[in-house]
């Protein structure tokens, strides 16, 4: 995963990368909600399109966060399963 000032690319591979991506998405969500509903709300009817774009981007950030959290949990479950396999020398070949 690569995190630059203005872009995120790739998929997180470590717990720290997952946490960092979740933190960034939380910041995006907070800012989007602030712009949409809070003190930073765009109130000019002429700028309604901008307000709608903030709403869409916030929604995208929420969906992305859900996916990152899901991926993180699946990765943790996979590691736990691998540890159990090694510990008990289990063969859990699921491709029958």
PDB file of N, CA and C in Angstrom:
ATOM      1  N   UNK A   1       0.846  -1.170   0.000  1.00  0.00           N
ATOM      2  CA  UNK A   1       0.000   0.000   0.000  1.00  0.00           C
ATOM      3  C   UNK A   1       0.888   1.227   0.000  1.00  0.00           C
ATOM      4  N   UNK A   2       0.472   2.250  -0.719  1.00  0.00           N
ATOM      5  CA  UNK A   2       1.213   3.499  -0.778  1.00  0.00           C
ATOM      6  C   UNK A   2       0.289   4.639  -0.366  1.00  0.00           C
ATOM      7  N   UNK A   3       0.753   5.436   0.586  1.00  0.00           N
ATOM      8  CA  UNK A   3      -0.030   6.580   1.043  1.00  0.00           C
ATOM      9  C   UNK A   3       0.780   7.834   0.776  1.00  0.00           C
ATOM     10  N   UNK A   4       0.247   8.674  -0.110  1.00  0.00           N
ATOM     11  CA  UNK A   4       0.853   9.960  -0.382  1.00  0.00           C
ATOM     12  C   UNK A   4      -0.080  11.038   0.166  1.00  0.00           C
ATOM     13  N   UNK A   5       0.349  12.267   0.093  1.00  0.00           N
ATOM     14  CA  UNK A   5      -0.450  13.353   0.663  1.00  0.00           C
ATOM     15  C   UNK A   5      -1.846  13.426   0.063  1.00  0.00           C
ATOM     16  N   UNK A   6      -1.979  13.113  -1.224  1.00  0.00           N
ATOM     17  CA  UNK A   6      -3.272  13.285  -1.867  1.00  0.00           C
ATOM     18  C   UNK A   6      -3.870  12.003  -2.445  1.00  0.00           C
ATOM     19  N   UNK A   7      -3.204  10.844  -2.280  1.00  0.00           N
ATOM     20  CA  UNK A   7      -3.742   9.605  -2.836  1.00  0.00           C
ATOM     21  C   UNK A   7      -3.404   8.396  -1.972  1.00  0.00           C
ATOM     22  N   UNK A   8      -4.251   7.398  -2.063  1.00  0.00           N
ATOM     23  CA  UNK A   8      -4.026   6.086  -1.467  1.00  0.00           C
ATOM     24  C   UNK A   8      -4.049   5.089  -2.609  1.00  0.00           C
ATOM     25  N   UNK A   9      -3.052   4.215  -2.683  1.00  0.00           N
ATOM     26  CA  UNK A   9      -3.060   3.195  -3.727  1.00  0.00           C
ATOM     27  C   UNK A   9      -2.716   1.849  -3.124  1.00  0.00           C
ATOM     28  N   UNK A  10      -3.192   0.811  -3.759  1.00  0.00           N
ATOM     29  CA  UNK A  10      -2.888  -0.537  -3.297  1.00  0.00           C
ATOM     30  C   UNK A  10      -3.781  -0.945  -2.146  1.00  0.00           C
ATOM     31  N   UNK A  11      -3.514  -2.119  -1.646  1.00  0.00           N
ATOM     32  CA  UNK A  11      -4.291  -2.662  -0.539  1.00  0.00           C
ATOM     33  C   UNK A  11      -3.404  -2.768   0.694  1.00  0.00           C
ATOM     34  N   UNK A  12      -3.986  -2.506   1.869  1.00  0.00           N
ATOM     35  CA  UNK A  12      -3.196  -2.653   3.085  1.00  0.00           C
ATOM     36  C   UNK A  12      -2.830  -4.113   3.314  1.00  0.00           C
ATOM     37  N   UNK A  13      -1.613  -4.340   3.782  1.00  0.00           N
ATOM     38  CA  UNK A  13      -1.152  -5.712   3.993  1.00  0.00           C
ATOM     39  C   UNK A  13      -0.894  -6.026   5.458  1.00  0.00           C
ATOM     40  N   UNK A  14      -0.597  -5.024   6.241  1.00  0.00           N
ATOM     41  CA  UNK A  14      -0.297  -5.256   7.650  1.00  0.00           C
ATOM     42  C   UNK A  14      -1.371  -4.610   8.513  1.00  0.00           C
ATOM     43  N   UNK A  15      -1.390  -4.997   9.777  1.00  0.00           N
ATOM     44  CA  UNK A  15      -2.346  -4.417  10.723  1.00  0.00           C
ATOM     45  C   UNK A  15      -2.145  -2.910  10.804  1.00  0.00           C
ATOM     46  N   UNK A  16      -0.884  -2.467  10.823  1.00  0.00           N
ATOM     47  CA  UNK A  16      -0.610  -1.030  10.888  1.00  0.00           C
ATOM     48  C   UNK A  16      -1.147  -0.304   9.667  1.00  0.00           C
ATOM     49  N   UNK A  17      -0.991  -0.898   8.491  1.00  0.00           N
ATOM     50  CA  UNK A  17      -1.513  -0.271   7.276  1.00  0.00           C
ATOM     51  C   UNK A  17      -3.039  -0.208   7.305  1.00  0.00           C
ATOM     52  N   UNK A  18      -3.676  -1.276   7.814  1.00  0.00           N
ATOM     53  CA  UNK A  18      -5.137  -1.250   7.952  1.00  0.00           C
ATOM     54  C   UNK A  18      -5.540  -0.115   8.885  1.00  0.00           C
ATOM     55  N   UNK A  19      -4.875  -0.023  10.016  1.00  0.00           N
ATOM     56  CA  UNK A  19      -5.214   1.011  10.994  1.00  0.00           C
ATOM     57  C   UNK A  19      -5.005   2.407  10.415  1.00  0.00           C
ATOM     58  N   UNK A  20      -3.920   2.586   9.671  1.00  0.00           N
ATOM     59  CA  UNK A  20      -3.630   3.881   9.066  1.00  0.00           C
ATOM     60  C   UNK A  20      -4.714   4.242   8.042  1.00  0.00           C
ATOM     61  N   UNK A  21      -5.121   3.271   7.231  1.00  0.00           N
ATOM     62  CA  UNK A  21      -6.152   3.536   6.236  1.00  0.00           C
ATOM     63  C   UNK A  21      -7.484   3.841   6.918  1.00  0.00           C
ATOM     64  N   UNK A  22      -7.812   3.121   7.969  1.00  0.00           N
ATOM     65  CA  UNK A  22      -9.052   3.378   8.705  1.00  0.00           C
ATOM     66  C   UNK A  22      -9.026   4.781   9.296  1.00  0.00           C
ATOM     67  N   UNK A  23      -7.888   5.180   9.839  1.00  0.00           N
ATOM     68  CA  UNK A  23      -7.757   6.524  10.406  1.00  0.00           C
ATOM     69  C   UNK A  23      -7.961   7.599   9.329  1.00  0.00           C
ATOM     70  N   UNK A  24      -7.362   7.410   8.172  1.00  0.00           N
ATOM     71  CA  UNK A  24      -7.521   8.370   7.071  1.00  0.00           C
ATOM     72  C   UNK A  24      -8.985   8.431   6.624  1.00  0.00           C
ATOM     73  N   UNK A  25      -9.609   7.274   6.495  1.00  0.00           N
ATOM     74  CA  UNK A  25     -11.016   7.252   6.096  1.00  0.00           C
ATOM     75  C   UNK A  25     -11.900   7.908   7.148  1.00  0.00           C
ATOM     76  N   UNK A  26     -11.592   7.707   8.432  1.00  0.00           N
ATOM     77  CA  UNK A  26     -12.345   8.376   9.498  1.00  0.00           C
ATOM     78  C   UNK A  26     -12.249   9.895   9.368  1.00  0.00           C
ATOM     79  N   UNK A  27     -11.046  10.382   9.043  1.00  0.00           N
ATOM     80  CA  UNK A  27     -10.867  11.824   8.861  1.00  0.00           C
ATOM     81  C   UNK A  27     -11.681  12.326   7.668  1.00  0.00           C
ATOM     82  N   UNK A  28     -11.663  11.574   6.570  1.00  0.00           N
ATOM     83  CA  UNK A  28     -12.452  11.956   5.400  1.00  0.00           C
ATOM     84  C   UNK A  28     -13.946  11.971   5.708  1.00  0.00           C
ATOM     85  N   UNK A  29     -14.392  10.979   6.442  1.00  0.00           N
ATOM     86  CA  UNK A  29     -15.805  10.892   6.806  1.00  0.00           C
ATOM     87  C   UNK A  29     -16.186  12.067   7.704  1.00  0.00           C
ATOM     88  N   UNK A  30     -15.359  12.362   8.692  1.00  0.00           N
ATOM     89  CA  UNK A  30     -15.643  13.482   9.602  1.00  0.00           C
ATOM     90  C   UNK A  30     -15.716  14.800   8.851  1.00  0.00           C
ATOM     91  N   UNK A  31     -14.759  15.021   7.968  1.00  0.00           N
ATOM     92  CA  UNK A  31     -14.743  16.268   7.189  1.00  0.00           C
ATOM     93  C   UNK A  31     -15.951  16.346   6.266  1.00  0.00           C
ATOM     94  N   UNK A  32     -16.282  15.232   5.634  1.00  0.00           N
ATOM     95  CA  UNK A  32     -17.450  15.218   4.755  1.00  0.00           C
ATOM     96  C   UNK A  32     -18.731  15.496   5.511  1.00  0.00           C
ATOM     97  N   UNK A  33     -18.883  14.899   6.686  1.00  0.00           N
ATOM     98  CA  UNK A  33     -20.076  15.144   7.494  1.00  0.00           C
ATOM     99  C   UNK A  33     -20.126  16.587   7.974  1.00  0.00           C
ATOM    100  N   UNK A  34     -18.962  17.143   8.308  1.00  0.00           N
ATOM    101  CA  UNK A  34     -18.907  18.541   8.749  1.00  0.00           C
ATOM    102  C   UNK A  34     -19.330  19.461   7.614  1.00  0.00           C
ATOM    103  N   UNK A  35     -18.831  19.178   6.407  1.00  0.00           N
ATOM    104  CA  UNK A  35     -19.189  19.997   5.249  1.00  0.00           C
ATOM    105  C   UNK A  35     -20.660  19.826   4.871  1.00  0.00           C
ATOM    106  N   UNK A  36     -21.181  18.666   5.122  1.00  0.00           N
ATOM    107  CA  UNK A  36     -22.556  18.379   4.721  1.00  0.00           C
ATOM    108  C   UNK A  36     -23.577  18.850   5.755  1.00  0.00           C
ATOM    109  N   UNK A  37     -23.236  18.724   7.035  1.00  0.00           N
ATOM    110  CA  UNK A  37     -24.238  19.016   8.065  1.00  0.00           C
ATOM    111  C   UNK A  37     -23.793  20.013   9.130  1.00  0.00           C
ATOM    112  N   UNK A  38     -22.502  20.204   9.312  1.00  0.00           N
ATOM    113  CA  UNK A  38     -22.025  20.978  10.460  1.00  0.00           C
ATOM    114  C   UNK A  38     -21.697  22.413  10.141  1.00  0.00           C
ATOM    115  N   UNK A  39     -20.722  22.944  10.876  1.00  0.00           N
ATOM    116  CA  UNK A  39     -20.318  24.334  10.748  1.00  0.00           C
ATOM    117  C   UNK A  39     -19.800  24.657   9.357  1.00  0.00           C
ATOM    118  N   UNK A  40     -19.211  23.704   8.690  1.00  0.00           N
ATOM    119  CA  UNK A  40     -18.640  23.948   7.369  1.00  0.00           C
ATOM    120  C   UNK A  40     -19.637  23.767   6.245  1.00  0.00           C
ATOM    121  N   UNK A  41     -20.902  23.604   6.603  1.00  0.00           N
ATOM    122  CA  UNK A  41     -21.932  23.311   5.602  1.00  0.00           C
ATOM    123  C   UNK A  41     -21.997  24.404   4.537  1.00  0.00           C
ATOM    124  N   UNK A  42     -22.109  23.961   3.316  1.00  0.00           N
ATOM    125  CA  UNK A  42     -22.271  24.862   2.174  1.00  0.00           C
ATOM    126  C   UNK A  42     -23.756  25.203   2.106  1.00  0.00           C
ATOM    127  N   UNK A  43     -24.080  26.460   2.367  1.00  0.00           N
ATOM    128  CA  UNK A  43     -25.485  26.851   2.470  1.00  0.00           C
ATOM    129  C   UNK A  43     -26.013  27.589   1.241  1.00  0.00           C
ATOM    130  N   UNK A  44     -25.151  27.975   0.364  1.00  0.00           N
ATOM    131  CA  UNK A  44     -25.545  28.711  -0.829  1.00  0.00           C
ATOM    132  C   UNK A  44     -26.202  27.750  -1.817  1.00  0.00           C
ATOM    133  N   UNK A  45     -27.431  28.043  -2.184  1.00  0.00           N
ATOM    134  CA  UNK A  45     -28.150  27.159  -3.115  1.00  0.00           C
ATOM    135  C   UNK A  45     -27.427  27.018  -4.445  1.00  0.00           C
ATOM    136  N   UNK A  46     -26.673  28.028  -4.842  1.00  0.00           N
ATOM    137  CA  UNK A  46     -25.932  27.975  -6.097  1.00  0.00           C
ATOM    138  C   UNK A  46     -24.808  26.938  -6.020  1.00  0.00           C
ATOM    139  N   UNK A  47     -24.384  26.617  -4.821  1.00  0.00           N
ATOM    140  CA  UNK A  47     -23.290  25.654  -4.623  1.00  0.00           C
ATOM    141  C   UNK A  47     -23.817  24.286  -4.177  1.00  0.00           C
ATOM    142  N   UNK A  48     -25.075  24.043  -4.441  1.00  0.00           N
ATOM    143  CA  UNK A  48     -25.696  22.774  -4.044  1.00  0.00           C
ATOM    144  C   UNK A  48     -24.982  21.571  -4.668  1.00  0.00           C
ATOM    145  N   UNK A  49     -24.470  21.730  -5.874  1.00  0.00           N
ATOM    146  CA  UNK A  49     -23.749  20.631  -6.531  1.00  0.00           C
ATOM    147  C   UNK A  49     -22.496  20.254  -5.738  1.00  0.00           C
ATOM    148  N   UNK A  50     -21.823  21.251  -5.183  1.00  0.00           N
ATOM    149  CA  UNK A  50     -20.626  20.980  -4.375  1.00  0.00           C
ATOM    150  C   UNK A  50     -21.021  20.208  -3.122  1.00  0.00           C
ATOM    151  N   UNK A  51     -22.100  20.635  -2.497  1.00  0.00           N
ATOM    152  CA  UNK A  51     -22.598  19.954  -1.291  1.00  0.00           C
ATOM    153  C   UNK A  51     -22.943  18.496  -1.602  1.00  0.00           C
ATOM    154  N   UNK A  52     -23.573  18.268  -2.729  1.00  0.00           N
ATOM    155  CA  UNK A  52     -23.931  16.903  -3.141  1.00  0.00           C
ATOM    156  C   UNK A  52     -22.673  16.079  -3.381  1.00  0.00           C
ATOM    157  N   UNK A  53     -21.633  16.676  -3.965  1.00  0.00           N
ATOM    158  CA  UNK A  53     -20.370  15.963  -4.178  1.00  0.00           C
ATOM    159  C   UNK A  53     -19.734  15.557  -2.850  1.00  0.00           C
ATOM    160  N   UNK A  54     -19.783  16.460  -1.851  1.00  0.00           N
ATOM    161  CA  UNK A  54     -19.272  16.097  -0.523  1.00  0.00           C
ATOM    162  C   UNK A  54     -20.045  14.916   0.035  1.00  0.00           C
ATOM    163  N   UNK A  55     -21.356  14.919  -0.155  1.00  0.00           N
ATOM    164  CA  UNK A  55     -22.179  13.820   0.346  1.00  0.00           C
ATOM    165  C   UNK A  55     -21.783  12.513  -0.343  1.00  0.00           C
ATOM    166  N   UNK A  56     -21.577  12.546  -1.647  1.00  0.00           N
ATOM    167  CA  UNK A  56     -21.198  11.335  -2.384  1.00  0.00           C
ATOM    168  C   UNK A  56     -19.827  10.824  -1.950  1.00  0.00           C
ATOM    169  N   UNK A  57     -18.867  11.727  -1.790  1.00  0.00           N
ATOM    170  CA  UNK A  57     -17.516  11.323  -1.384  1.00  0.00           C
ATOM    171  C   UNK A  57     -17.514  10.762   0.033  1.00  0.00           C
ATOM    172  N   UNK A  58     -18.333  11.338   0.884  1.00  0.00           N
ATOM    173  CA  UNK A  58     -18.445  10.820   2.260  1.00  0.00           C
ATOM    174  C   UNK A  58     -19.022   9.417   2.240  1.00  0.00           C
ATOM    175  N   UNK A  59     -20.031   9.217   1.423  1.00  0.00           N
ATOM    176  CA  UNK A  59     -20.627   7.886   1.285  1.00  0.00           C
ATOM    177  C   UNK A  59     -19.603   6.881   0.763  1.00  0.00           C
ATOM    178  N   UNK A  60     -18.788   7.276  -0.208  1.00  0.00           N
ATOM    179  CA  UNK A  60     -17.743   6.402  -0.733  1.00  0.00           C
ATOM    180  C   UNK A  60     -16.721   6.065   0.349  1.00  0.00           C
ATOM    181  N   UNK A  61     -16.366   7.050   1.164  1.00  0.00           N
ATOM    182  CA  UNK A  61     -15.399   6.809   2.240  1.00  0.00           C
ATOM    183  C   UNK A  61     -15.966   5.834   3.266  1.00  0.00           C
ATOM    184  N   UNK A  62     -17.249   5.945   3.544  1.00  0.00           N
ATOM    185  CA  UNK A  62     -17.887   5.023   4.493  1.00  0.00           C
ATOM    186  C   UNK A  62     -17.864   3.598   3.937  1.00  0.00           C
ATOM    187  N   UNK A  63     -18.185   3.450   2.652  1.00  0.00           N
ATOM    188  CA  UNK A  63     -18.143   2.111   2.034  1.00  0.00           C
ATOM    189  C   UNK A  63     -16.721   1.549   2.027  1.00  0.00           C
ATOM    190  N   UNK A  64     -15.759   2.405   1.716  1.00  0.00           N
ATOM    191  CA  UNK A  64     -14.359   1.962   1.699  1.00  0.00           C
ATOM    192  C   UNK A  64     -13.923   1.530   3.092  1.00  0.00           C
ATOM    193  N   UNK A  65     -14.326   2.282   4.115  1.00  0.00           N
ATOM    194  CA  UNK A  65     -13.950   1.915   5.482  1.00  0.00           C
ATOM    195  C   UNK A  65     -14.535   0.552   5.851  1.00  0.00           C
ATOM    196  N   UNK A  66     -15.785   0.336   5.502  1.00  0.00           N
ATOM    197  CA  UNK A  66     -16.400  -0.977   5.785  1.00  0.00           C
ATOM    198  C   UNK A  66     -15.595  -2.104   5.145  1.00  0.00           C
ATOM    199  N   UNK A  67     -15.167  -1.895   3.901  1.00  0.00           N
ATOM    200  CA  UNK A  67     -14.405  -2.922   3.190  1.00  0.00           C
ATOM    201  C   UNK A  67     -13.040  -3.148   3.838  1.00  0.00           C
ATOM    202  N   UNK A  68     -12.383  -2.068   4.242  1.00  0.00           N
ATOM    203  CA  UNK A  68     -11.066  -2.192   4.880  1.00  0.00           C
ATOM    204  C   UNK A  68     -11.198  -2.940   6.202  1.00  0.00           C
ATOM    205  N   UNK A  69     -12.220  -2.612   6.989  1.00  0.00           N
ATOM    206  CA  UNK A  69     -12.437  -3.298   8.266  1.00  0.00           C
ATOM    207  C   UNK A  69     -12.726  -4.774   8.018  1.00  0.00           C
ATOM    208  N   UNK A  70     -13.543  -5.059   7.019  1.00  0.00           N
ATOM    209  CA  UNK A  70     -13.857  -6.459   6.680  1.00  0.00           C
ATOM    210  C   UNK A  70     -12.597  -7.204   6.251  1.00  0.00           C
ATOM    211  N   UNK A  71     -11.788  -6.584   5.387  1.00  0.00           N
ATOM    212  CA  UNK A  71     -10.542  -7.204   4.934  1.00  0.00           C
ATOM    213  C   UNK A  71      -9.592  -7.453   6.101  1.00  0.00           C
ATOM    214  N   UNK A  72      -9.520  -6.489   7.008  1.00  0.00           N
ATOM    215  CA  UNK A  72      -8.653  -6.628   8.182  1.00  0.00           C
ATOM    216  C   UNK A  72      -9.096  -7.830   9.021  1.00  0.00           C
ATOM    217  N   UNK A  73     -10.397  -7.949   9.241  1.00  0.00           N
ATOM    218  CA  UNK A  73     -10.908  -9.066  10.041  1.00  0.00           C
ATOM    219  C   UNK A  73     -10.648 -10.403   9.358  1.00  0.00           C
ATOM    220  N   UNK A  74     -10.839 -10.452   8.041  1.00  0.00           N
ATOM    221  CA  UNK A  74     -10.566 -11.691   7.310  1.00  0.00           C
ATOM    222  C   UNK A  74      -9.087 -12.056   7.365  1.00  0.00           C
ATOM    223  N   UNK A  75      -8.223 -11.053   7.259  1.00  0.00           N
ATOM    224  CA  UNK A  75      -6.790 -11.300   7.337  1.00  0.00           C
ATOM    225  C   UNK A  75      -6.415 -11.830   8.729  1.00  0.00           C
ATOM    226  N   UNK A  76      -6.999 -11.256   9.767  1.00  0.00           N
ATOM    227  CA  UNK A  76      -6.722 -11.722  11.123  1.00  0.00           C
ATOM    228  C   UNK A  76      -7.224 -13.148  11.324  1.00  0.00           C
ATOM    229  N   UNK A  77      -8.398 -13.452  10.786  1.00  0.00           N
ATOM    230  CA  UNK A  77      -8.927 -14.810  10.900  1.00  0.00           C
ATOM    231  C   UNK A  77      -8.033 -15.796  10.155  1.00  0.00           C
ATOM    232  N   UNK A  78      -7.534 -15.394   8.992  1.00  0.00           N
ATOM    233  CA  UNK A  78      -6.635 -16.256   8.225  1.00  0.00           C
ATOM    234  C   UNK A  78      -5.356 -16.541   8.982  1.00  0.00           C
ATOM    235  N   UNK A  79      -4.806 -15.515   9.613  1.00  0.00           N
ATOM    236  CA  UNK A  79      -3.585 -15.719  10.405  1.00  0.00           C
ATOM    237  C   UNK A  79      -3.843 -16.648  11.589  1.00  0.00           C
ATOM    238  N   UNK A  80      -4.988 -16.471  12.242  1.00  0.00           N
ATOM    239  CA  UNK A  80      -5.329 -17.330  13.373  1.00  0.00           C
ATOM    240  C   UNK A  80      -5.482 -18.775  12.915  1.00  0.00           C
ATOM    241  N   UNK A  81      -6.101 -18.963  11.772  1.00  0.00           N
ATOM    242  CA  UNK A  81      -6.282 -20.311  11.230  1.00  0.00           C
ATOM    243  C   UNK A  81      -4.935 -20.932  10.874  1.00  0.00           C
ATOM    244  N   UNK A  82      -4.051 -20.149  10.260  1.00  0.00           N
ATOM    245  CA  UNK A  82      -2.717 -20.653   9.940  1.00  0.00           C
ATOM    246  C   UNK A  82      -1.961 -21.055  11.201  1.00  0.00           C
ATOM    247  N   UNK A  83      -2.087 -20.241  12.243  1.00  0.00           N
ATOM    248  CA  UNK A  83      -1.414 -20.556  13.505  1.00  0.00           C
ATOM    249  C   UNK A  83      -1.958 -21.857  14.095  1.00  0.00           C
ATOM    250  N   UNK A  84      -3.264 -22.051  14.021  1.00  0.00           N
ATOM    251  CA  UNK A  84      -3.870 -23.294  14.512  1.00  0.00           C
ATOM    252  C   UNK A  84      -3.398 -24.487  13.688  1.00  0.00           C
ATOM    253  N   UNK A  85      -3.308 -24.296  12.376  1.00  0.00           N
ATOM    254  CA  UNK A  85      -2.836 -25.378  11.515  1.00  0.00           C
ATOM    255  C   UNK A  85      -1.412 -25.773  11.888  1.00  0.00           C
ATOM    256  N   UNK A  86      -0.565 -24.787  12.073  1.00  0.00           N
ATOM    257  CA  UNK A  86       0.831 -25.073  12.411  1.00  0.00           C
ATOM    258  C   UNK A  86       0.941 -25.709  13.793  1.00  0.00           C
ATOM    259  N   UNK A  87       0.161 -25.180  14.711  1.00  0.00           N
ATOM    260  CA  UNK A  87       0.218 -25.665  16.093  1.00  0.00           C
ATOM    261  C   UNK A  87      -0.253 -27.111  16.199  1.00  0.00           C
ATOM    262  N   UNK A  88      -1.290 -27.427  15.491  1.00  0.00           N
ATOM    263  CA  UNK A  88      -1.879 -28.769  15.596  1.00  0.00           C
ATOM    264  C   UNK A  88      -1.594 -29.639  14.392  1.00  0.00           C
ATOM    265  N   UNK A  89      -0.781 -29.130  13.472  1.00  0.00           N
ATOM    266  CA  UNK A  89      -0.457 -29.854  12.252  1.00  0.00           C
ATOM    267  C   UNK A  89      -1.722 -30.370  11.568  1.00  0.00           C
ATOM    268  N   UNK A  90      -2.693 -29.440  11.423  1.00  0.00           N
ATOM    269  CA  UNK A  90      -3.969 -29.780  10.810  1.00  0.00           C
ATOM    270  C   UNK A  90      -3.890 -29.598   9.302  1.00  0.00           C
ATOM    271  N   UNK A  91      -4.606 -30.421   8.570  1.00  0.00           N
ATOM    272  CA  UNK A  91      -4.737 -30.255   7.147  1.00  0.00           C
ATOM    273  C   UNK A  91      -6.169 -29.812   6.871  1.00  0.00           C
ATOM    274  N   UNK A  92      -6.348 -28.527   6.647  1.00  0.00           N
ATOM    275  CA  UNK A  92      -7.680 -27.987   6.394  1.00  0.00           C
ATOM    276  C   UNK A  92      -7.823 -27.628   4.926  1.00  0.00           C
ATOM    277  N   UNK A  93      -7.461 -28.543   4.057  1.00  0.00           N
ATOM    278  CA  UNK A  93      -7.587 -28.306   2.630  1.00  0.00           C
ATOM    279  C   UNK A  93      -9.078 -28.249   2.298  1.00  0.00           C
ATOM    280  N   UNK A  94      -9.534 -27.041   1.985  1.00  0.00           N
ATOM    281  CA  UNK A  94     -10.974 -26.835   1.744  1.00  0.00           C
ATOM    282  C   UNK A  94     -11.349 -27.004   0.284  1.00  0.00           C
ATOM    283  N   UNK A  95     -10.408 -27.296  -0.565  1.00  0.00           N
ATOM    284  CA  UNK A  95     -10.717 -27.453  -1.985  1.00  0.00           C
ATOM    285  C   UNK A  95     -10.883 -28.929  -2.331  1.00  0.00           C
ATOM    286  N   UNK A  96     -12.008 -29.482  -1.910  1.00  0.00           N
ATOM    287  CA  UNK A  96     -12.304 -30.901  -2.190  1.00  0.00           C
ATOM    288  C   UNK A  96     -13.079 -31.028  -3.437  1.00  0.00           C
TER     289      UNK A  96
END
